[in-house]
Amino acid sequence: MSPADENGAKRTVHGVLVKVLRHRRTERGMSLEPHASRCVRLGEVHELVTTDHTETGDGARIDRVGFLGFAELGCAGVLDRGDEFLIGGRLVGTVLGFDACHFPNHYNILIATDIPVSGEDLGLRPELPIEFRSR
């Protein structure tokens, strides 16, 4: 069985936005973790970051970013590279990967978008529902 055939169905990971961020950076210097998936727990808070980078290699440098905010997870689950990410029912992008520079406090969950956008750009507000779901 190939690695692509190993993944079965999984639950949607949901939660709520708890803090909106308004800034962008062009030289952030995040480093992509080598893992294509991460397990997350009920109640964890993680940072949501958009990027137009597409490289997924171990340690890929991620510079152009937009900060959406922080979200509290409403259930445990598994986040995979390529999962769709939605806020308030609106598709924002797909999971590119994870930066662990602040771990174990939180992951930066990197969301691939056409252009890096911030929470302010999207008109986000606390308590909006978020979802990570399989494509």
Protein backbone atom coordinates (compact mmCIF):
# COMPACT_ATOMS: atom_id res chain seq x y z
CA MET A 1 0.00 0.00 0.00
CA SER A 2 1.40 3.42 -0.92
CA PRO A 3 1.49 6.26 1.65
CA ALA A 4 -1.28 8.03 -0.31
CA ASP A 5 -3.55 5.01 0.24
CA GLU A 6 -3.01 4.87 4.01
CA ASN A 7 -5.38 7.70 4.96
CA GLY A 8 -8.98 6.85 5.71
CA ALA A 9 -11.90 9.05 6.70
CA LYS A 10 -11.50 11.43 9.63
CA ARG A 11 -13.55 13.89 11.66
CA THR A 12 -13.73 17.59 10.95
CA VAL A 13 -11.78 19.57 13.55
CA HIS A 14 -13.80 22.59 14.62
CA GLY A 15 -13.44 25.47 17.01
CA VAL A 16 -13.85 29.22 17.40
CA LEU A 17 -11.72 32.25 16.75
CA VAL A 18 -10.63 33.76 20.07
CA LYS A 19 -8.41 36.64 18.91
CA VAL A 20 -8.14 38.52 15.61
CA LEU A 21 -4.76 39.63 14.30
CA ARG A 22 -4.20 42.47 11.84
CA HIS A 23 -0.62 42.32 10.58
CA ARG A 24 1.39 40.89 7.69
CA ARG A 25 5.12 40.27 7.25
CA THR A 26 7.35 39.76 4.20
CA GLU A 27 10.41 38.39 6.05
CA ARG A 28 8.92 36.33 8.91
CA GLY A 29 11.39 33.43 8.70
CA MET A 30 9.09 30.62 9.85
CA SER A 31 10.39 27.10 9.27
CA LEU A 32 8.06 24.38 7.98
CA GLU A 33 7.97 21.27 10.15
CA PRO A 34 8.79 18.00 8.33
CA HIS A 35 5.46 16.48 9.42
CA ALA A 36 2.50 16.49 7.03
CA SER A 37 0.06 16.00 9.92
CA ARG A 38 -0.28 16.97 13.57
CA CYS A 39 -2.61 15.70 16.26
CA VAL A 40 -4.48 18.41 18.16
CA ARG A 41 -6.41 18.29 21.42
CA LEU A 42 -9.70 19.65 22.66
CA GLY A 43 -9.25 23.14 24.07
CA GLU A 44 -5.84 23.85 22.54
CA VAL A 45 -5.27 27.32 21.12
CA HIS A 46 -3.28 27.64 17.87
CA GLU A 47 -2.30 30.56 15.65
CA LEU A 48 -3.69 30.75 12.11
CA VAL A 49 -1.30 32.17 9.50
CA THR A 50 -1.85 32.60 5.76
CA THR A 51 0.93 32.38 3.17
CA ASP A 52 1.39 32.27 -0.58
CA HIS A 53 4.42 29.96 -0.27
CA THR A 54 3.93 26.51 -1.80
CA GLU A 55 7.13 24.66 -0.81
CA THR A 56 6.44 21.82 1.65
CA GLY A 57 9.96 20.45 2.13
CA ASP A 58 11.40 19.91 5.60
CA GLY A 59 12.54 23.27 6.95
CA ALA A 60 11.20 25.34 4.03
CA ARG A 61 11.47 29.03 4.92
CA ILE A 62 8.11 30.82 5.10
CA ASP A 63 8.50 34.60 4.86
CA ARG A 64 5.36 36.14 3.28
CA VAL A 65 2.59 35.73 5.84
CA GLY A 66 -0.67 37.25 7.04
CA PHE A 67 -1.87 36.65 10.58
CA LEU A 68 -5.56 35.71 10.93
CA GLY A 69 -5.68 35.15 14.68
CA PHE A 70 -5.86 32.47 17.34
CA ALA A 71 -8.47 29.72 17.52
CA GLU A 72 -9.56 27.41 20.34
CA LEU A 73 -10.25 23.86 19.18
CA GLY A 74 -13.62 22.37 20.08
CA CYS A 75 -12.53 18.77 19.54
CA ALA A 76 -9.45 16.62 19.21
CA GLY A 77 -8.41 15.37 15.81
CA VAL A 78 -5.75 15.22 13.13
CA LEU A 79 -4.82 18.13 10.86
CA ASP A 80 -3.29 17.11 7.52
CA ARG A 81 -1.48 19.07 4.84
CA GLY A 82 -4.14 19.80 2.20
CA ASP A 83 -7.11 19.99 4.60
CA GLU A 84 -9.53 22.78 3.79
CA PHE A 85 -9.68 25.62 6.30
CA LEU A 86 -12.91 27.58 6.76
CA ILE A 87 -13.88 30.56 8.92
CA GLY A 88 -17.55 31.40 9.34
CA GLY A 89 -18.37 28.82 6.66
CA ARG A 90 -16.11 30.57 4.11
CA LEU A 91 -13.22 28.64 2.54
CA VAL A 92 -10.00 30.56 3.24
CA GLY A 93 -7.40 28.08 1.95
CA THR A 94 -5.73 24.75 2.66
CA VAL A 95 -3.29 23.62 5.31
CA LEU A 96 0.28 23.99 4.00
CA GLY A 97 1.92 22.75 7.18
CA PHE A 98 3.06 23.73 10.64
CA ASP A 99 5.68 25.98 12.23
CA ALA A 100 6.61 25.05 15.79
CA CYS A 101 8.68 28.09 16.84
CA HIS A 102 6.26 28.74 19.74
CA PHE A 103 5.51 25.09 20.58
CA PRO A 104 4.54 23.77 23.14
CA ASN A 105 2.55 26.96 23.70
CA HIS A 106 0.98 26.74 20.24
CA TYR A 107 1.56 25.78 16.62
CA ASN A 108 1.49 28.27 13.79
CA ILE A 109 -0.88 26.51 11.39
CA LEU A 110 0.10 27.70 7.92
CA ILE A 111 -2.79 28.14 5.49
CA ALA A 112 -2.00 28.31 1.77
CA THR A 113 -3.80 31.22 0.07
CA ASP A 114 -3.28 33.13 -3.19
CA ILE A 115 -2.04 36.15 -1.23
CA PRO A 116 -1.27 36.47 2.50
CA VAL A 117 -4.25 38.04 4.27
CA SER A 118 -4.82 39.12 7.87
CA GLY A 119 -7.85 38.77 10.12
CA GLU A 120 -8.58 42.44 9.56
CA ASP A 121 -8.44 41.97 5.76
CA LEU A 122 -11.16 39.31 6.05
CA GLY A 123 -13.28 41.23 8.56
CA LEU A 124 -12.92 38.51 11.19
CA ARG A 125 -14.27 38.77 14.73
CA PRO A 126 -13.99 36.64 17.87
CA GLU A 127 -16.34 33.65 18.17
CA LEU A 128 -16.53 32.98 14.43
CA PRO A 129 -16.55 29.20 13.89
CA ILE A 130 -13.51 27.62 12.24
CA GLU A 131 -13.16 24.20 10.60
CA PHE A 132 -10.42 21.99 9.22
CA ARG A 133 -11.89 19.31 6.96
CA SER A 134 -10.68 16.72 4.48
CA ARG A 135 -10.95 17.59 0.84
